[in-house]
Amino acid sequence: MIHPAIPPTTYAHLLKRSVIQAKHLFKFPPAIAKKIIYICLASKQMMQNQLQRCLKTNTQL
């Protein structure tokens, strides 16, 4: 299944919204919130890399 390219702004929006929700729900201390944001950013980067690999593979076919 080929996924459409997701604009980076969508990732940023979702990340920001999820961070706000996390703060609201759990009242994380800043240090823990930073770790969560870092993990989210790392997984976002992994998703983008995977998407680029998929797109490259599909264009080569």
PDB file of N, CA and C in Angstrom:
ATOM      1  N   MET A   1       0.848  -1.195   0.000  1.00  0.00           N
ATOM      2  CA  MET A   1       0.000   0.000   0.000  1.00  0.00           C
ATOM      3  C   MET A   1       0.883   1.245   0.000  1.00  0.00           C
ATOM      4  N   ILE A   2       0.633   2.138  -0.916  1.00  0.00           N
ATOM      5  CA  ILE A   2       1.429   3.359  -1.018  1.00  0.00           C
ATOM      6  C   ILE A   2       0.727   4.465  -0.233  1.00  0.00           C
ATOM      7  N   HIS A   3       1.480   5.070   0.702  1.00  0.00           N
ATOM      8  CA  HIS A   3       0.920   6.159   1.502  1.00  0.00           C
ATOM      9  C   HIS A   3       1.199   7.478   0.804  1.00  0.00           C
ATOM     10  N   PRO A   4       0.235   8.383   0.799  1.00  0.00           N
ATOM     11  CA  PRO A   4       0.505   9.701   0.217  1.00  0.00           C
ATOM     12  C   PRO A   4       1.525  10.452   1.070  1.00  0.00           C
ATOM     13  N   ALA A   5       2.279  11.315   0.453  1.00  0.00           N
ATOM     14  CA  ALA A   5       3.265  12.109   1.201  1.00  0.00           C
ATOM     15  C   ALA A   5       2.526  12.998   2.199  1.00  0.00           C
ATOM     16  N   ILE A   6       2.993  12.985   3.429  1.00  0.00           N
ATOM     17  CA  ILE A   6       2.363  13.796   4.480  1.00  0.00           C
ATOM     18  C   ILE A   6       3.211  15.053   4.660  1.00  0.00           C
ATOM     19  N   PRO A   7       2.609  16.238   4.523  1.00  0.00           N
ATOM     20  CA  PRO A   7       3.405  17.463   4.672  1.00  0.00           C
ATOM     21  C   PRO A   7       3.979  17.592   6.080  1.00  0.00           C
ATOM     22  N   PRO A   8       5.221  18.103   6.188  1.00  0.00           N
ATOM     23  CA  PRO A   8       5.862  18.255   7.508  1.00  0.00           C
ATOM     24  C   PRO A   8       5.029  19.085   8.476  1.00  0.00           C
ATOM     25  N   THR A   9       4.250  20.036   7.947  1.00  0.00           N
ATOM     26  CA  THR A   9       3.423  20.872   8.822  1.00  0.00           C
ATOM     27  C   THR A   9       2.415  20.017   9.585  1.00  0.00           C
ATOM     28  N   THR A  10       1.960  18.939   8.960  1.00  0.00           N
ATOM     29  CA  THR A  10       1.014  18.045   9.628  1.00  0.00           C
ATOM     30  C   THR A  10       1.680  17.384  10.830  1.00  0.00           C
ATOM     31  N   TYR A  11       2.923  16.922  10.641  1.00  0.00           N
ATOM     32  CA  TYR A  11       3.675  16.319  11.747  1.00  0.00           C
ATOM     33  C   TYR A  11       3.856  17.325  12.877  1.00  0.00           C
ATOM     34  N   ALA A  12       4.257  18.546  12.503  1.00  0.00           N
ATOM     35  CA  ALA A  12       4.497  19.585  13.507  1.00  0.00           C
ATOM     36  C   ALA A  12       3.220  19.880  14.286  1.00  0.00           C
ATOM     37  N   HIS A  13       2.109  19.970  13.565  1.00  0.00           N
ATOM     38  CA  HIS A  13       0.818  20.260  14.194  1.00  0.00           C
ATOM     39  C   HIS A  13       0.428  19.138  15.158  1.00  0.00           C
ATOM     40  N   LEU A  14       0.567  17.900  14.696  1.00  0.00           N
ATOM     41  CA  LEU A  14       0.213  16.751  15.537  1.00  0.00           C
ATOM     42  C   LEU A  14       1.114  16.673  16.760  1.00  0.00           C
ATOM     43  N   LEU A  15       2.403  16.939  16.549  1.00  0.00           N
ATOM     44  CA  LEU A  15       3.364  16.892  17.654  1.00  0.00           C
ATOM     45  C   LEU A  15       3.008  17.946  18.697  1.00  0.00           C
ATOM     46  N   LYS A  16       2.752  19.173  18.230  1.00  0.00           N
ATOM     47  CA  LYS A  16       2.423  20.263  19.146  1.00  0.00           C
ATOM     48  C   LYS A  16       1.156  19.930  19.924  1.00  0.00           C
ATOM     49  N   ARG A  17       0.151  19.428  19.202  1.00  0.00           N
ATOM     50  CA  ARG A  17      -1.126  19.101  19.841  1.00  0.00           C
ATOM     51  C   ARG A  17      -0.948  17.989  20.873  1.00  0.00           C
ATOM     52  N   SER A  18      -0.149  16.971  20.530  1.00  0.00           N
ATOM     53  CA  SER A  18       0.046  15.851  21.455  1.00  0.00           C
ATOM     54  C   SER A  18       0.814  16.289  22.696  1.00  0.00           C
ATOM     55  N   VAL A  19       1.767  17.216  22.518  1.00  0.00           N
ATOM     56  CA  VAL A  19       2.528  17.728  23.666  1.00  0.00           C
ATOM     57  C   VAL A  19       1.605  18.522  24.588  1.00  0.00           C
ATOM     58  N   ILE A  20       0.749  19.357  23.997  1.00  0.00           N
ATOM     59  CA  ILE A  20      -0.203  20.141  24.799  1.00  0.00           C
ATOM     60  C   ILE A  20      -1.140  19.198  25.559  1.00  0.00           C
ATOM     61  N   GLN A  21      -1.626  18.155  24.881  1.00  0.00           N
ATOM     62  CA  GLN A  21      -2.511  17.189  25.528  1.00  0.00           C
ATOM     63  C   GLN A  21      -1.785  16.463  26.657  1.00  0.00           C
ATOM     64  N   ALA A  22      -0.529  16.091  26.410  1.00  0.00           N
ATOM     65  CA  ALA A  22       0.251  15.383  27.431  1.00  0.00           C
ATOM     66  C   ALA A  22       0.421  16.261  28.668  1.00  0.00           C
ATOM     67  N   LYS A  23       0.758  17.538  28.450  1.00  0.00           N
ATOM     68  CA  LYS A  23       0.912  18.472  29.576  1.00  0.00           C
ATOM     69  C   LYS A  23      -0.398  18.587  30.345  1.00  0.00           C
ATOM     70  N   HIS A  24      -1.478  18.712  29.603  1.00  0.00           N
ATOM     71  CA  HIS A  24      -2.790  18.902  30.216  1.00  0.00           C
ATOM     72  C   HIS A  24      -3.214  17.667  31.012  1.00  0.00           C
ATOM     73  N   LEU A  25      -3.008  16.487  30.433  1.00  0.00           N
ATOM     74  CA  LEU A  25      -3.477  15.260  31.075  1.00  0.00           C
ATOM     75  C   LEU A  25      -2.622  14.840  32.260  1.00  0.00           C
ATOM     76  N   PHE A  26      -1.313  14.964  32.098  1.00  0.00           N
ATOM     77  CA  PHE A  26      -0.431  14.360  33.103  1.00  0.00           C
ATOM     78  C   PHE A  26       0.373  15.351  33.927  1.00  0.00           C
ATOM     79  N   LYS A  27       0.377  16.617  33.530  1.00  0.00           N
ATOM     80  CA  LYS A  27       1.149  17.644  34.253  1.00  0.00           C
ATOM     81  C   LYS A  27       2.603  17.198  34.448  1.00  0.00           C
ATOM     82  N   PHE A  28       3.247  16.845  33.325  1.00  0.00           N
ATOM     83  CA  PHE A  28       4.638  16.392  33.399  1.00  0.00           C
ATOM     84  C   PHE A  28       5.564  17.505  33.868  1.00  0.00           C
ATOM     85  N   PRO A  29       6.586  17.156  34.657  1.00  0.00           N
ATOM     86  CA  PRO A  29       7.663  18.117  34.917  1.00  0.00           C
ATOM     87  C   PRO A  29       8.379  18.416  33.591  1.00  0.00           C
ATOM     88  N   PRO A  30       8.964  19.613  33.438  1.00  0.00           N
ATOM     89  CA  PRO A  30       9.601  19.993  32.172  1.00  0.00           C
ATOM     90  C   PRO A  30      10.644  18.993  31.665  1.00  0.00           C
ATOM     91  N   ALA A  31      11.445  18.427  32.568  1.00  0.00           N
ATOM     92  CA  ALA A  31      12.496  17.489  32.150  1.00  0.00           C
ATOM     93  C   ALA A  31      11.896  16.256  31.472  1.00  0.00           C
ATOM     94  N   ILE A  32      10.818  15.744  32.034  1.00  0.00           N
ATOM     95  CA  ILE A  32      10.163  14.558  31.467  1.00  0.00           C
ATOM     96  C   ILE A  32       9.459  14.933  30.161  1.00  0.00           C
ATOM     97  N   ALA A  33       8.836  16.103  30.134  1.00  0.00           N
ATOM     98  CA  ALA A  33       8.169  16.571  28.913  1.00  0.00           C
ATOM     99  C   ALA A  33       9.176  16.686  27.766  1.00  0.00           C
ATOM    100  N   LYS A  34      10.390  17.183  28.082  1.00  0.00           N
ATOM    101  CA  LYS A  34      11.437  17.304  27.058  1.00  0.00           C
ATOM    102  C   LYS A  34      11.818  15.939  26.507  1.00  0.00           C
ATOM    103  N   LYS A  35      11.921  14.943  27.389  1.00  0.00           N
ATOM    104  CA  LYS A  35      12.257  13.582  26.946  1.00  0.00           C
ATOM    105  C   LYS A  35      11.173  13.045  26.019  1.00  0.00           C
ATOM    106  N   ILE A  36       9.923  13.286  26.375  1.00  0.00           N
ATOM    107  CA  ILE A  36       8.801  12.815  25.550  1.00  0.00           C
ATOM    108  C   ILE A  36       8.840  13.501  24.184  1.00  0.00           C
ATOM    109  N   ILE A  37       9.093  14.814  24.183  1.00  0.00           N
ATOM    110  CA  ILE A  37       9.180  15.554  22.917  1.00  0.00           C
ATOM    111  C   ILE A  37      10.320  14.993  22.072  1.00  0.00           C
ATOM    112  N   TYR A  38      11.457  14.706  22.711  1.00  0.00           N
ATOM    113  CA  TYR A  38      12.613  14.165  21.990  1.00  0.00           C
ATOM    114  C   TYR A  38      12.269  12.824  21.344  1.00  0.00           C
ATOM    115  N   ILE A  39      11.571  11.969  22.087  1.00  0.00           N
ATOM    116  CA  ILE A  39      11.163  10.660  21.552  1.00  0.00           C
ATOM    117  C   ILE A  39      10.204  10.851  20.377  1.00  0.00           C
ATOM    118  N   CYS A  40       9.264  11.788  20.505  1.00  0.00           N
ATOM    119  CA  CYS A  40       8.320  12.072  19.416  1.00  0.00           C
ATOM    120  C   CYS A  40       9.051  12.555  18.175  1.00  0.00           C
ATOM    121  N   LEU A  41      10.025  13.444  18.365  1.00  0.00           N
ATOM    122  CA  LEU A  41      10.783  13.974  17.228  1.00  0.00           C
ATOM    123  C   LEU A  41      11.598  12.873  16.568  1.00  0.00           C
ATOM    124  N   ALA A  42      12.191  11.990  17.382  1.00  0.00           N
ATOM    125  CA  ALA A  42      12.987  10.885  16.838  1.00  0.00           C
ATOM    126  C   ALA A  42      12.101   9.949  16.015  1.00  0.00           C
ATOM    127  N   SER A  43      10.911   9.645  16.526  1.00  0.00           N
ATOM    128  CA  SER A  43      10.016   8.746  15.790  1.00  0.00           C
ATOM    129  C   SER A  43       9.495   9.430  14.526  1.00  0.00           C
ATOM    130  N   LYS A  44       9.296  10.750  14.595  1.00  0.00           N
ATOM    131  CA  LYS A  44       8.875  11.507  13.407  1.00  0.00           C
ATOM    132  C   LYS A  44       9.950  11.404  12.326  1.00  0.00           C
ATOM    133  N   GLN A  45      11.215  11.553  12.735  1.00  0.00           N
ATOM    134  CA  GLN A  45      12.326  11.467  11.780  1.00  0.00           C
ATOM    135  C   GLN A  45      12.380  10.075  11.159  1.00  0.00           C
ATOM    136  N   MET A  46      12.160   9.046  11.969  1.00  0.00           N
ATOM    137  CA  MET A  46      12.157   7.673  11.466  1.00  0.00           C
ATOM    138  C   MET A  46      11.035   7.478  10.446  1.00  0.00           C
ATOM    139  N   MET A  47       9.859   8.037  10.731  1.00  0.00           N
ATOM    140  CA  MET A  47       8.721   7.916   9.810  1.00  0.00           C
ATOM    141  C   MET A  47       9.029   8.603   8.484  1.00  0.00           C
ATOM    142  N   GLN A  48       9.642   9.787   8.562  1.00  0.00           N
ATOM    143  CA  GLN A  48       9.982  10.518   7.336  1.00  0.00           C
ATOM    144  C   GLN A  48      11.000   9.738   6.513  1.00  0.00           C
ATOM    145  N   ASN A  49      12.005   9.143   7.187  1.00  0.00           N
ATOM    146  CA  ASN A  49      13.012   8.343   6.491  1.00  0.00           C
ATOM    147  C   ASN A  49      12.362   7.150   5.810  1.00  0.00           C
ATOM    148  N   GLN A  50      11.461   6.500   6.514  1.00  0.00           N
ATOM    149  CA  GLN A  50      10.768   5.330   5.970  1.00  0.00           C
ATOM    150  C   GLN A  50       9.911   5.736   4.770  1.00  0.00           C
ATOM    151  N   LEU A  51       9.239   6.864   4.883  1.00  0.00           N
ATOM    152  CA  LEU A  51       8.403   7.370   3.795  1.00  0.00           C
ATOM    153  C   LEU A  51       9.259   7.657   2.563  1.00  0.00           C
ATOM    154  N   GLN A  52      10.421   8.293   2.776  1.00  0.00           N
ATOM    155  CA  GLN A  52      11.317   8.597   1.659  1.00  0.00           C
ATOM    156  C   GLN A  52      11.812   7.317   0.998  1.00  0.00           C
ATOM    157  N   ARG A  53      12.145   6.299   1.808  1.00  0.00           N
ATOM    158  CA  ARG A  53      12.582   5.008   1.258  1.00  0.00           C
ATOM    159  C   ARG A  53      11.472   4.398   0.410  1.00  0.00           C
ATOM    160  N   CYS A  54      10.244   4.445   0.906  1.00  0.00           N
ATOM    161  CA  CYS A  54       9.100   3.899   0.165  1.00  0.00           C
ATOM    162  C   CYS A  54       8.923   4.627  -1.157  1.00  0.00           C
ATOM    163  N   LEU A  55       9.014   5.946  -1.116  1.00  0.00           N
ATOM    164  CA  LEU A  55       8.828   6.739  -2.331  1.00  0.00           C
ATOM    165  C   LEU A  55       9.925   6.436  -3.347  1.00  0.00           C
ATOM    166  N   LYS A  56      11.174   6.300  -2.868  1.00  0.00           N
ATOM    167  CA  LYS A  56      12.291   5.969  -3.766  1.00  0.00           C
ATOM    168  C   LYS A  56      12.066   4.606  -4.401  1.00  0.00           C
ATOM    169  N   THR A  57      11.669   3.636  -3.590  1.00  0.00           N
ATOM    170  CA  THR A  57      11.432   2.275  -4.078  1.00  0.00           C
ATOM    171  C   THR A  57      10.331   2.275  -5.124  1.00  0.00           C
ATOM    172  N   ASN A  58       9.265   3.006  -4.860  1.00  0.00           N
ATOM    173  CA  ASN A  58       8.123   3.031  -5.779  1.00  0.00           C
ATOM    174  C   ASN A  58       8.462   3.714  -7.103  1.00  0.00           C
ATOM    175  N   THR A  59       9.333   4.725  -7.057  1.00  0.00           N
ATOM    176  CA  THR A  59       9.678   5.417  -8.304  1.00  0.00           C
ATOM    177  C   THR A  59      10.622   4.569  -9.148  1.00  0.00           C
ATOM    178  N   GLN A  60      11.370   3.671  -8.507  1.00  0.00           N
ATOM    179  CA  GLN A  60      12.300   2.807  -9.247  1.00  0.00           C
ATOM    180  C   GLN A  60      11.577   1.675  -9.961  1.00  0.00           C
ATOM    181  N   LEU A  61      10.390   1.310  -9.505  1.00  0.00           N
ATOM    182  CA  LEU A  61       9.655   0.189 -10.103  1.00  0.00           C
ATOM    183  C   LEU A  61       9.178   0.517 -11.521  1.00  0.00           C
TER     184      LEU A  61
END
